[in-house]
C-alpha atoms as a PDB file:
ATOM      1  CA  MET A   1      17.115   8.147  -1.972  1.00  0.00           C
ATOM      2  CA  PHE A   2      14.470   9.571   0.413  1.00  0.00           C
ATOM      3  CA  LEU A   3      13.885  12.589  -1.752  1.00  0.00           C
ATOM      4  CA  TRP A   4      13.558  10.313  -4.834  1.00  0.00           C
ATOM      5  CA  LEU A   5      11.130   8.033  -3.011  1.00  0.00           C
ATOM      6  CA  GLU A   6       9.042  11.087  -2.084  1.00  0.00           C
ATOM      7  CA  GLN A   7       8.897  12.077  -5.735  1.00  0.00           C
ATOM      8  CA  MET A   8       7.968   8.586  -6.899  1.00  0.00           C
ATOM      9  CA  ALA A   9       5.263   8.233  -4.246  1.00  0.00           C
ATOM     10  CA  ALA A  10       3.770  11.599  -5.431  1.00  0.00           C
ATOM     11  CA  ILE A  11       3.511  10.104  -8.940  1.00  0.00           C
ATOM     12  CA  HIS A  12       2.695   6.439  -8.299  1.00  0.00           C
ATOM     13  CA  GLY A  13       1.388   6.381  -4.750  1.00  0.00           C
ATOM     14  CA  ASP A  14       3.157   4.617  -1.885  1.00  0.00           C
ATOM     15  CA  VAL A  15       3.015   1.206  -3.512  1.00  0.00           C
ATOM     16  CA  LEU A  16       5.873   1.154  -5.975  1.00  0.00           C
ATOM     17  CA  PRO A  17       6.686  -1.498  -8.619  1.00  0.00           C
ATOM     18  CA  ARG A  18       9.868  -3.508  -8.295  1.00  0.00           C
ATOM     19  CA  SER A  19      11.045  -2.442 -11.728  1.00  0.00           C
ATOM     20  CA  LEU A  20      11.026   1.225 -10.616  1.00  0.00           C
ATOM     21  CA  LEU A  21      12.879   0.492  -7.386  1.00  0.00           C
ATOM     22  CA  LEU A  22      15.476  -1.534  -9.342  1.00  0.00           C
ATOM     23  CA  GLU A  23      15.883   1.313 -11.822  1.00  0.00           C
ATOM     24  CA  GLY A  24      16.788   3.403  -8.803  1.00  0.00           C
ATOM     25  CA  PHE A  25      17.667   6.959  -8.029  1.00  0.00           C
ATOM     26  CA  PRO A  26      20.237   9.201  -9.674  1.00  0.00           C
ATOM     27  CA  PHE A  27      23.574   9.558  -7.877  1.00  0.00           C
ATOM     28  CA  GLU A  28      26.778  11.109  -9.115  1.00  0.00           C
ATOM     29  CA  GLY A  29      26.037  10.669 -12.792  1.00  0.00           C
ATOM     30  CA  GLY A  30      24.698   7.118 -12.398  1.00  0.00           C
ATOM     31  CA  SER A  31      21.921   5.440 -10.558  1.00  0.00           C
ATOM     32  CA  ILE A  32      21.594   3.223  -7.471  1.00  0.00           C
ATOM     33  CA  SER A  33      18.916   0.588  -7.070  1.00  0.00           C
ATOM     34  CA  ALA A  34      16.764   1.153  -3.964  1.00  0.00           C
ATOM     35  CA  LEU A  35      16.638  -2.547  -3.145  1.00  0.00           C
ATOM     36  CA  HIS A  36      18.789  -5.640  -3.753  1.00  0.00           C
ATOM     37  CA  PRO A  37      18.880  -6.494  -7.454  1.00  0.00           C
ATOM     38  CA  ALA A  38      18.951 -10.279  -6.678  1.00  0.00           C
ATOM     39  CA  GLY A  39      16.081 -10.194  -4.282  1.00  0.00           C
ATOM     40  CA  ARG A  40      17.891 -10.421  -0.940  1.00  0.00           C
ATOM     41  CA  GLY A  41      16.357  -8.582   1.975  1.00  0.00           C
ATOM     42  CA  ILE A  42      19.380  -6.539   3.004  1.00  0.00           C
ATOM     43  CA  TRP A  43      20.840  -4.172   0.364  1.00  0.00           C
ATOM     44  CA  LYS A  44      24.289  -2.650   0.726  1.00  0.00           C
ATOM     45  CA  PRO A  45      25.465  -1.229  -2.621  1.00  0.00           C
ATOM     46  CA  LYS A  46      29.117  -1.469  -3.444  1.00  0.00           C
ATOM     47  CA  GLY A  47      31.098   1.353  -1.851  1.00  0.00           C
ATOM     48  CA  LEU A  48      28.839   1.803   1.131  1.00  0.00           C
ATOM     49  CA  ASP A  49      29.789   0.722   4.659  1.00  0.00           C
ATOM     50  CA  THR A  50      26.203   0.363   5.833  1.00  0.00           C
ATOM     51  CA  ALA A  51      22.972  -0.998   4.454  1.00  0.00           C
ATOM     52  CA  LEU A  52      20.739   1.210   2.336  1.00  0.00           C
ATOM     53  CA  SER A  53      17.409  -0.583   2.606  1.00  0.00           C
ATOM     54  CA  LEU A  54      15.569  -3.599   4.051  1.00  0.00           C
ATOM     55  CA  THR A  55      12.958  -5.584   2.203  1.00  0.00           C
ATOM     56  CA  THR A  56      10.298  -8.141   3.188  1.00  0.00           C
ATOM     57  CA  THR A  57       8.970 -10.200   0.245  1.00  0.00           C
ATOM     58  CA  VAL A  58       5.819 -12.204  -0.276  1.00  0.00           C
ATOM     59  CA  GLY A  59       6.450 -15.800   0.847  1.00  0.00           C
ATOM     60  CA  SER A  60       9.710 -14.881   2.527  1.00  0.00           C
ATOM     61  CA  PRO A  61      11.308 -17.710   4.520  1.00  0.00           C
ATOM     62  CA  TYR A  62      12.151 -15.192   7.221  1.00  0.00           C
ATOM     63  CA  ASP A  63       9.761 -14.332  10.050  1.00  0.00           C
ATOM     64  CA  ASP A  64       9.651 -10.543   9.750  1.00  0.00           C
ATOM     65  CA  HIS A  65       6.832  -9.224  11.891  1.00  0.00           C
ATOM     66  CA  PHE A  66       5.693  -6.324  14.023  1.00  0.00           C
ATOM     67  CA  SER A  67       5.941  -6.723  17.771  1.00  0.00           C
ATOM     68  CA  GLY A  68       4.598  -3.855  19.893  1.00  0.00           C
ATOM     69  CA  ASP A  69       5.886  -0.631  18.366  1.00  0.00           C
ATOM     70  CA  ARG A  70       8.780  -2.163  16.516  1.00  0.00           C
ATOM     71  CA  LEU A  71       9.526  -4.386  13.508  1.00  0.00           C
ATOM     72  CA  ALA A  72      11.370  -7.632  14.183  1.00  0.00           C
ATOM     73  CA  TYR A  73      13.535  -8.014  11.115  1.00  0.00           C
ATOM     74  CA  SER A  74      15.390 -11.324  10.612  1.00  0.00           C
ATOM     75  CA  TYR A  75      19.110 -11.611  10.080  1.00  0.00           C
ATOM     76  CA  GLN A  76      20.252 -12.719   6.659  1.00  0.00           C
ATOM     77  CA  GLY A  77      21.113 -16.406   7.244  1.00  0.00           C
ATOM     78  CA  ASN A  78      22.304 -17.727  10.558  1.00  0.00           C
ATOM     79  CA  ASN A  79      25.685 -16.009  10.826  1.00  0.00           C
ATOM     80  CA  PRO A  80      25.502 -12.783  12.854  1.00  0.00           C
ATOM     81  CA  GLY A  81      28.895 -11.849  11.381  1.00  0.00           C
ATOM     82  CA  SER A  82      27.962 -12.043   7.689  1.00  0.00           C
ATOM     83  CA  SER A  83      28.554  -8.944   5.618  1.00  0.00           C
ATOM     84  CA  ASP A  84      24.874  -8.262   5.186  1.00  0.00           C
ATOM     85  CA  ASN A  85      24.187  -8.400   8.908  1.00  0.00           C
ATOM     86  CA  CYS A  86      27.221  -6.320   9.660  1.00  0.00           C
ATOM     87  CA  ALA A  87      25.927  -3.666   7.216  1.00  0.00           C
ATOM     88  CA  VAL A  88      22.664  -3.411   9.174  1.00  0.00           C
ATOM     89  CA  ARG A  89      24.582  -3.413  12.403  1.00  0.00           C
ATOM     90  CA  SER A  90      26.670  -0.502  11.129  1.00  0.00           C
ATOM     91  CA  ALA A  91      23.475   1.437  10.413  1.00  0.00           C
ATOM     92  CA  LYS A  92      22.440   0.840  14.024  1.00  0.00           C
ATOM     93  CA  ASN A  93      25.670   1.804  15.585  1.00  0.00           C
ATOM     94  CA  ASN A  94      25.955   4.975  13.462  1.00  0.00           C
ATOM     95  CA  GLN A  95      22.249   5.806  13.614  1.00  0.00           C
ATOM     96  CA  ILE A  96      21.965   5.902   9.802  1.00  0.00           C
ATOM     97  CA  PRO A  97      18.363   5.836   8.548  1.00  0.00           C
ATOM     98  CA  LEU A  98      17.307   3.268   6.015  1.00  0.00           C
ATOM     99  CA  ALA A  99      14.271   2.651   3.750  1.00  0.00           C
ATOM    100  CA  TYR A 100      11.959  -0.338   4.248  1.00  0.00           C
ATOM    101  CA  PHE A 101      10.059  -2.059   1.468  1.00  0.00           C
ATOM    102  CA  HIS A 102       7.266  -4.443   2.260  1.00  0.00           C
ATOM    103  CA  ALA A 103       5.725  -6.474  -0.615  1.00  0.00           C
ATOM    104  CA  VAL A 104       1.939  -6.359  -0.557  1.00  0.00           C
ATOM    105  CA  MET A 105       1.896  -8.655  -3.530  1.00  0.00           C
ATOM    106  CA  PRO A 106       4.630 -10.048  -5.789  1.00  0.00           C
ATOM    107  CA  GLY A 107       6.466  -7.237  -7.512  1.00  0.00           C
ATOM    108  CA  ARG A 108       4.730  -4.354  -5.705  1.00  0.00           C
ATOM    109  CA  TYR A 109       6.155  -2.839  -2.495  1.00  0.00           C
ATOM    110  CA  CYS A 110       4.792  -0.405   0.072  1.00  0.00           C
ATOM    111  CA  ALA A 111       7.651   1.994   0.817  1.00  0.00           C
ATOM    112  CA  PHE A 112       8.461   3.505   4.215  1.00  0.00           C
ATOM    113  CA  TRP A 113      11.226   5.878   5.246  1.00  0.00           C
ATOM    114  CA  PRO A 114      13.127   6.737   7.282  1.00  0.00           C
ATOM    115  CA  VAL A 115      13.458   3.663   9.517  1.00  0.00           C
ATOM    116  CA  LEU A 116      16.079   3.265  12.283  1.00  0.00           C
ATOM    117  CA  VAL A 117      17.689   0.122  13.526  1.00  0.00           C
ATOM    118  CA  ILE A 118      17.333   0.400  17.311  1.00  0.00           C
ATOM    119  CA  GLY A 119      18.202  -3.103  18.430  1.00  0.00           C
ATOM    120  CA  ASP A 120      20.388  -6.115  17.628  1.00  0.00           C
ATOM    121  CA  ASP A 121      19.569  -9.517  19.111  1.00  0.00           C
ATOM    122  CA  SER A 122      22.015 -12.125  18.007  1.00  0.00           C
ATOM    123  CA  GLY A 123      20.319 -14.726  20.176  1.00  0.00           C
ATOM    124  CA  SER A 124      17.108 -14.664  18.189  1.00  0.00           C
ATOM    125  CA  LEU A 125      18.879 -13.661  14.914  1.00  0.00           C
ATOM    126  CA  ARG A 126      16.966 -10.435  14.448  1.00  0.00           C
ATOM    127  CA  PHE A 127      17.249  -6.718  14.350  1.00  0.00           C
ATOM    128  CA  TRP A 128      14.664  -4.348  15.863  1.00  0.00           C
ATOM    129  CA  VAL A 129      13.589  -1.618  13.547  1.00  0.00           C
ATOM    130  CA  GLN A 130      11.300   1.327  14.013  1.00  0.00           C
ATOM    131  CA  VAL A 131       9.632   3.749  11.595  1.00  0.00           C
ATOM    132  CA  GLU A 132      10.452   7.323  12.488  1.00  0.00           C
ATOM    133  CA  PRO A 133       7.269   9.323  11.722  1.00  0.00           C
ATOM    134  CA  ALA A 134       8.866  12.641  12.580  1.00  0.00           C
ATOM    135  CA  GLY A 135      11.636  12.317   9.987  1.00  0.00           C
ATOM    136  CA  VAL A 136      15.333  12.645  10.768  1.00  0.00           C
ATOM    137  CA  ALA A 137      18.025  15.288  10.764  1.00  0.00           C
ATOM    138  CA  ILE A 138      20.986  14.637   8.540  1.00  0.00           C
ATOM    139  CA  GLY A 139      23.864  17.102   8.301  1.00  0.00           C
ATOM    140  CA  GLY A 140      21.712  19.950   9.601  1.00  0.00           C
ATOM    141  CA  ALA A 141      18.871  19.218   7.183  1.00  0.00           C
ATOM    142  CA  THR A 142      15.559  17.648   8.181  1.00  0.00           C
ATOM    143  CA  ILE A 143      14.440  14.810   5.967  1.00  0.00           C
ATOM    144  CA  LEU A 144      10.690  14.210   6.231  1.00  0.00           C
ATOM    145  CA  GLY A 145       9.440  10.684   5.983  1.00  0.00           C
ATOM    146  CA  SER A 146       6.518   8.696   4.603  1.00  0.00           C
ATOM    147  CA  VAL A 147       4.621   8.791   7.877  1.00  0.00           C
ATOM    148  CA  ASP A 148       3.753  12.175   9.290  1.00  0.00           C
ATOM    149  CA  GLY A 149       3.802  12.226  13.087  1.00  0.00           C
ATOM    150  CA  SER A 150       5.972  15.291  13.716  1.00  0.00           C
ATOM    151  CA  MET A 151       3.340  16.844  16.113  1.00  0.00           C
ATOM    152  CA  ILE A 152       3.678  13.885  18.480  1.00  0.00           C
ATOM    153  CA  SER A 153       6.451  14.853  20.900  1.00  0.00           C
ATOM    154  CA  ASN A 154       6.575  11.822  23.173  1.00  0.00           C
ATOM    155  CA  ASP A 155       9.017   9.213  21.714  1.00  0.00           C
ATOM    156  CA  VAL A 156       7.004   6.177  22.775  1.00  0.00           C
ATOM    157  CA  SER A 157       3.708   7.631  21.491  1.00  0.00           C
ATOM    158  CA  ARG A 158       5.312   8.709  18.225  1.00  0.00           C
ATOM    159  CA  ARG A 159       6.862   5.305  17.538  1.00  0.00           C
ATOM    160  CA  ALA A 160       3.583   3.515  18.428  1.00  0.00           C
ATOM    161  CA  TYR A 161       1.777   5.861  16.069  1.00  0.00           C
ATOM    162  CA  GLY A 162       4.322   5.222  13.313  1.00  0.00           C
ATOM    163  CA  THR A 163       3.961   1.365  13.669  1.00  0.00           C
ATOM    164  CA  SER A 164       0.196   1.634  13.738  1.00  0.00           C
ATOM    165  CA  VAL A 165       0.203   3.688  10.537  1.00  0.00           C
ATOM    166  CA  VAL A 166       2.500   1.184   8.834  1.00  0.00           C
ATOM    167  CA  LYS A 167       0.325  -1.816   9.780  1.00  0.00           C
ATOM    168  CA  THR A 168      -2.881   0.001   8.673  1.00  0.00           C
ATOM    169  CA  ARG A 169      -1.325   1.044   5.343  1.00  0.00           C
ATOM    170  CA  LEU A 170      -0.077  -2.507   4.664  1.00  0.00           C
ATOM    171  CA  HIS A 171      -3.600  -3.822   5.275  1.00  0.00           C
ATOM    172  CA  GLN A 172      -5.199  -1.216   3.070  1.00  0.00           C
ATOM    173  CA  ARG A 173      -2.634  -1.314   0.281  1.00  0.00           C
ATOM    174  CA  GLY A 174      -2.631  -5.058   0.250  1.00  0.00           C
ATOM    175  CA  PHE A 175      -6.376  -5.192  -0.318  1.00  0.00           C
ATOM    176  CA  ARG A 176      -6.161  -2.527  -3.028  1.00  0.00           C
ATOM    177  CA  GLU A 177      -3.380  -4.203  -4.940  1.00  0.00           C
ATOM    178  CA  ARG A 178      -5.123  -7.594  -4.862  1.00  0.00           C
ATOM    179  CA  VAL A 179      -8.445  -6.105  -6.044  1.00  0.00           C
ATOM    180  CA  LEU A 180      -6.858  -4.007  -8.844  1.00  0.00           C
ATOM    181  CA  SER A 181      -4.913  -6.995 -10.050  1.00  0.00           C
ATOM    182  CA  ALA A 182      -8.071  -9.148 -10.183  1.00  0.00           C
ATOM    183  CA  TYR A 183      -9.782  -6.373 -12.228  1.00  0.00           C
ATOM    184  CA  GLN A 184      -6.814  -5.878 -14.538  1.00  0.00           C
ATOM    185  CA  SER A 185      -6.351  -2.322 -13.260  1.00  0.00           C
ATOM    186  CA  CYS A 186      -9.507  -0.900 -14.714  1.00  0.00           C
ATOM    187  CA  CYS A 187     -12.791   0.430 -13.300  1.00  0.00           C
ATOM    188  CA  ALA A 188     -15.473  -2.183 -13.252  1.00  0.00           C
ATOM    189  CA  MET A 189     -18.090   0.391 -14.252  1.00  0.00           C
ATOM    190  CA  CYS A 190     -16.419   2.715 -16.875  1.00  0.00           C
ATOM    191  CA  ARG A 191     -13.266   0.684 -17.646  1.00  0.00           C
ATOM    192  CA  LEU A 192     -10.894   3.604 -16.843  1.00  0.00           C
ATOM    193  CA  LYS A 193      -7.402   2.178 -16.838  1.00  0.00           C
ATOM    194  CA  HIS A 194      -5.419   4.878 -15.050  1.00  0.00           C
ATOM    195  CA  ARG A 195      -4.248   2.994 -11.948  1.00  0.00           C
ATOM    196  CA  GLU A 196      -3.489   6.159 -10.001  1.00  0.00           C
ATOM    197  CA  LEU A 197      -7.213   7.042 -10.287  1.00  0.00           C
ATOM    198  CA  LEU A 198      -8.526   3.712  -9.150  1.00  0.00           C
ATOM    199  CA  ASP A 199      -9.608   2.482  -5.737  1.00  0.00           C
ATOM    200  CA  ALA A 200     -10.529  -0.879  -4.212  1.00  0.00           C
ATOM    201  CA  ALA A 201     -14.106  -0.225  -3.013  1.00  0.00           C
ATOM    202  CA  HIS A 202     -15.323  -2.394  -0.111  1.00  0.00           C
ATOM    203  CA  ILE A 203     -18.770  -3.924  -0.582  1.00  0.00           C
ATOM    204  CA  ILE A 204     -19.057  -4.518   3.201  1.00  0.00           C
ATOM    205  CA  PRO A 205     -16.900  -1.831   4.910  1.00  0.00           C
ATOM    206  CA  ASP A 206     -14.064  -2.704   7.287  1.00  0.00           C
ATOM    207  CA  LYS A 207     -15.909  -1.174  10.201  1.00  0.00           C
ATOM    208  CA  GLU A 208     -18.756  -3.574   9.680  1.00  0.00           C
ATOM    209  CA  GLY A 209     -16.489  -6.625   9.616  1.00  0.00           C
ATOM    210  CA  GLY A 210     -15.913  -6.714   5.829  1.00  0.00           C
ATOM    211  CA  GLU A 211     -12.991  -9.028   5.066  1.00  0.00           C
ATOM    212  CA  PRO A 212     -10.036  -7.674   3.030  1.00  0.00           C
ATOM    213  CA  VAL A 213     -10.568 -10.292   0.298  1.00  0.00           C
ATOM    214  CA  VAL A 214     -11.022  -9.719  -3.402  1.00  0.00           C
ATOM    215  CA  SER A 215     -14.603 -11.015  -3.320  1.00  0.00           C
ATOM    216  CA  ASN A 216     -15.494  -8.167  -0.944  1.00  0.00           C
ATOM    217  CA  GLY A 217     -14.079  -5.583  -3.257  1.00  0.00           C
ATOM    218  CA  ILE A 218     -14.714  -3.922  -6.651  1.00  0.00           C
ATOM    219  CA  ALA A 219     -12.187  -1.905  -8.561  1.00  0.00           C
ATOM    220  CA  LEU A 220     -13.675   1.489  -9.221  1.00  0.00           C
ATOM    221  CA  CYS A 221     -12.455   4.889 -10.347  1.00  0.00           C
ATOM    222  CA  LYS A 222     -12.653   7.506  -7.654  1.00  0.00           C
ATOM    223  CA  ILE A 223     -15.906   9.074  -8.863  1.00  0.00           C
ATOM    224  CA  HIS A 224     -17.711   5.747  -9.135  1.00  0.00           C
ATOM    225  CA  HIS A 225     -16.264   4.686  -5.787  1.00  0.00           C
ATOM    226  CA  ALA A 226     -17.746   7.743  -4.167  1.00  0.00           C
ATOM    227  CA  ALA A 227     -21.048   7.203  -5.974  1.00  0.00           C
ATOM    228  CA  PHE A 228     -21.178   3.638  -4.849  1.00  0.00           C
ATOM    229  CA  ASP A 229     -20.385   4.420  -1.213  1.00  0.00           C
ATOM    230  CA  LYS A 230     -22.971   7.269  -1.132  1.00  0.00           C
ATOM    231  CA  ARG A 231     -25.717   5.040  -2.714  1.00  0.00           C
ATOM    232  CA  VAL A 232     -25.893   7.215  -5.873  1.00  0.00           C
ATOM    233  CA  ILE A 233     -25.094   4.023  -7.787  1.00  0.00           C
ATOM    234  CA  GLY A 234     -25.919   0.455  -6.795  1.00  0.00           C
ATOM    235  CA  VAL A 235     -25.133  -2.971  -8.192  1.00  0.00           C
ATOM    236  CA  ASN A 236     -27.880  -5.509  -8.457  1.00  0.00           C
ATOM    237  CA  PRO A 237     -26.619  -8.971  -7.523  1.00  0.00           C
ATOM    238  CA  ASP A 238     -28.936 -10.395 -10.142  1.00  0.00           C
ATOM    239  CA  GLY A 239     -26.760 -10.260 -13.167  1.00  0.00           C
ATOM    240  CA  TYR A 240     -24.366  -7.576 -11.766  1.00  0.00           C
ATOM    241  CA  ARG A 241     -26.449  -4.837 -13.300  1.00  0.00           C
ATOM    242  CA  ILE A 242     -25.671  -1.190 -12.438  1.00  0.00           C
ATOM    243  CA  ALA A 243     -28.497   1.084 -11.282  1.00  0.00           C
ATOM    244  CA  VAL A 244     -28.525   4.844 -10.754  1.00  0.00           C
ATOM    245  CA  ARG A 245     -30.703   6.388  -8.120  1.00  0.00           C
ATOM    246  CA  GLU A 246     -34.034   7.720  -9.558  1.00  0.00           C
ATOM    247  CA  ASP A 247     -33.635  11.262  -8.481  1.00  0.00           C
ATOM    248  CA  VAL A 248     -30.128  11.494  -9.926  1.00  0.00           C
ATOM    249  CA  LEU A 249     -31.362  10.059 -13.245  1.00  0.00           C
ATOM    250  CA  ARG A 250     -33.890  12.994 -13.514  1.00  0.00           C
ATOM    251  CA  GLU A 251     -31.282  15.643 -12.803  1.00  0.00           C
ATOM    252  CA  VAL A 252     -30.061  17.905 -15.573  1.00  0.00           C
ATOM    253  CA  ASP A 253     -26.371  18.964 -15.207  1.00  0.00           C
ATOM    254  CA  GLY A 254     -23.094  18.936 -17.110  1.00  0.00           C
ATOM    255  CA  PRO A 255     -21.322  16.161 -19.060  1.00  0.00           C
ATOM    256  CA  MET A 256     -19.851  14.556 -15.936  1.00  0.00           C
ATOM    257  CA  LEU A 257     -23.288  13.706 -14.525  1.00  0.00           C
ATOM    258  CA  ARG A 258     -24.675  12.661 -17.925  1.00  0.00           C
ATOM    259  CA  HIS A 259     -21.766  10.576 -19.161  1.00  0.00           C
ATOM    260  CA  GLY A 260     -20.130   9.627 -15.865  1.00  0.00           C
ATOM    261  CA  ILE A 261     -23.152   8.673 -13.819  1.00  0.00           C
ATOM    262  CA  GLN A 262     -26.488   8.616 -15.675  1.00  0.00           C
ATOM    263  CA  GLU A 263     -25.154   6.509 -18.605  1.00  0.00           C
ATOM    264  CA  MET A 264     -24.103   3.760 -16.216  1.00  0.00           C
ATOM    265  CA  GLU A 265     -27.775   2.912 -15.734  1.00  0.00           C
ATOM    266  CA  GLY A 266     -28.457  -0.719 -16.903  1.00  0.00           C
ATOM    267  CA  ARG A 267     -24.869  -1.444 -17.751  1.00  0.00           C
ATOM    268  CA  LYS A 268     -23.360  -4.709 -16.567  1.00  0.00           C
ATOM    269  CA  LEU A 269     -20.514  -4.595 -14.080  1.00  0.00           C
ATOM    270  CA  TRP A 270     -17.278  -5.975 -15.415  1.00  0.00           C
ATOM    271  CA  VAL A 271     -16.092  -8.725 -13.099  1.00  0.00           C
ATOM    272  CA  PRO A 272     -13.179 -11.208 -13.006  1.00  0.00           C
ATOM    273  CA  ARG A 273     -13.669 -14.606 -14.651  1.00  0.00           C
ATOM    274  CA  SER A 274     -12.518 -16.463 -11.537  1.00  0.00           C
ATOM    275  CA  ALA A 275     -15.549 -17.365  -9.398  1.00  0.00           C
ATOM    276  CA  ALA A 276     -13.488 -16.852  -6.214  1.00  0.00           C
ATOM    277  CA  LYS A 277     -12.714 -13.276  -7.272  1.00  0.00           C
ATOM    278  CA  LYS A 278     -16.199 -12.158  -8.349  1.00  0.00           C
ATOM    279  CA  PRO A 279     -18.166  -9.951  -5.992  1.00  0.00           C
ATOM    280  CA  ASP A 280     -19.755 -11.968  -3.246  1.00  0.00           C
ATOM    281  CA  LEU A 281     -23.477 -12.171  -4.021  1.00  0.00           C
ATOM    282  CA  GLU A 282     -24.551 -12.070  -0.356  1.00  0.00           C
ATOM    283  CA  ALA A 283     -22.492  -8.952   0.265  1.00  0.00           C
ATOM    284  CA  LEU A 284     -23.875  -7.315  -2.899  1.00  0.00           C
ATOM    285  CA  ALA A 285     -27.408  -8.111  -1.753  1.00  0.00           C
ATOM    286  CA  VAL A 286     -26.723  -6.167   1.501  1.00  0.00           C
ATOM    287  CA  GLN A 287     -25.456  -3.136  -0.367  1.00  0.00           C
ATOM    288  CA  TRP A 288     -28.262  -3.383  -3.028  1.00  0.00           C
ATOM    289  CA  GLN A 289     -30.921  -3.299  -0.256  1.00  0.00           C
ATOM    290  CA  ARG A 290     -29.267  -0.239   1.245  1.00  0.00           C
ATOM    291  CA  PHE A 291     -29.197   1.428  -2.179  1.00  0.00           C
ATOM    292  CA  ARG A 292     -32.911   0.648  -2.649  1.00  0.00           C
ATOM    293  CA  ASP A 293     -33.729   1.983   0.846  1.00  0.00           C
ATOM    294  CA  VAL A 294     -32.208   5.329  -0.059  1.00  0.00           C
ATOM    295  CA  GLY A 295     -34.361   5.914  -3.071  1.00  0.00           C
END
């Protein structure tokens, strides 16, 4: 499963659609779903003694959350002895690594692996789970994970690093998925529809206090995202008109500059119909002034 997840992440990125996870990975002439087909959080396929994966969904009734350098993952139901909870307990007792899927929006999951169950608290009806950034050794083979922290030798530091990466990635991927969904998975400037080539560009950056909300984002392909961030292209809040910096308009170069950048001049940015999801005009005014200051 880990090798298959690595392959899928290389193709689709680390946010995977539920349909792909349900289709699952090849195994002994068949396939096994990576998460519970009926939507439960703990997945133990038939024939296994331990759980295979854990999932947190959008709007879950369970209080899954990060506490310190660990994930507090709720029991299934209130019975510590239920088959699902026993399957996770078996993973803990035998130190068997699992995968963890966290929904950043309905039907789309950020995937992390391997994770280890390191604690079992029947009093609070939860397991304690950690992401292992250094990977794990299974049967003499080292399985690398979705978080690279192999150069960190101290266990506490490595686990804290892994949890920090997970929380940051969930924040970033959640913002990206919400923005791309609002823009129907196409670039607001050139209408490119290849999702793997699209970004959620911040109007006001995170480091300046920009909120991770759709109105502070624009779906842009990677070249237009870079051009927007570097003030090669700006967006006039008056009518959402695209402008190209004067010196760049005068340049003579190949077809990418001509068609990809210069021909954006004067075009109208494509924005969502919903007023709440359109680019915030005050935020656009800030970036527009910065664009004009550059040239």
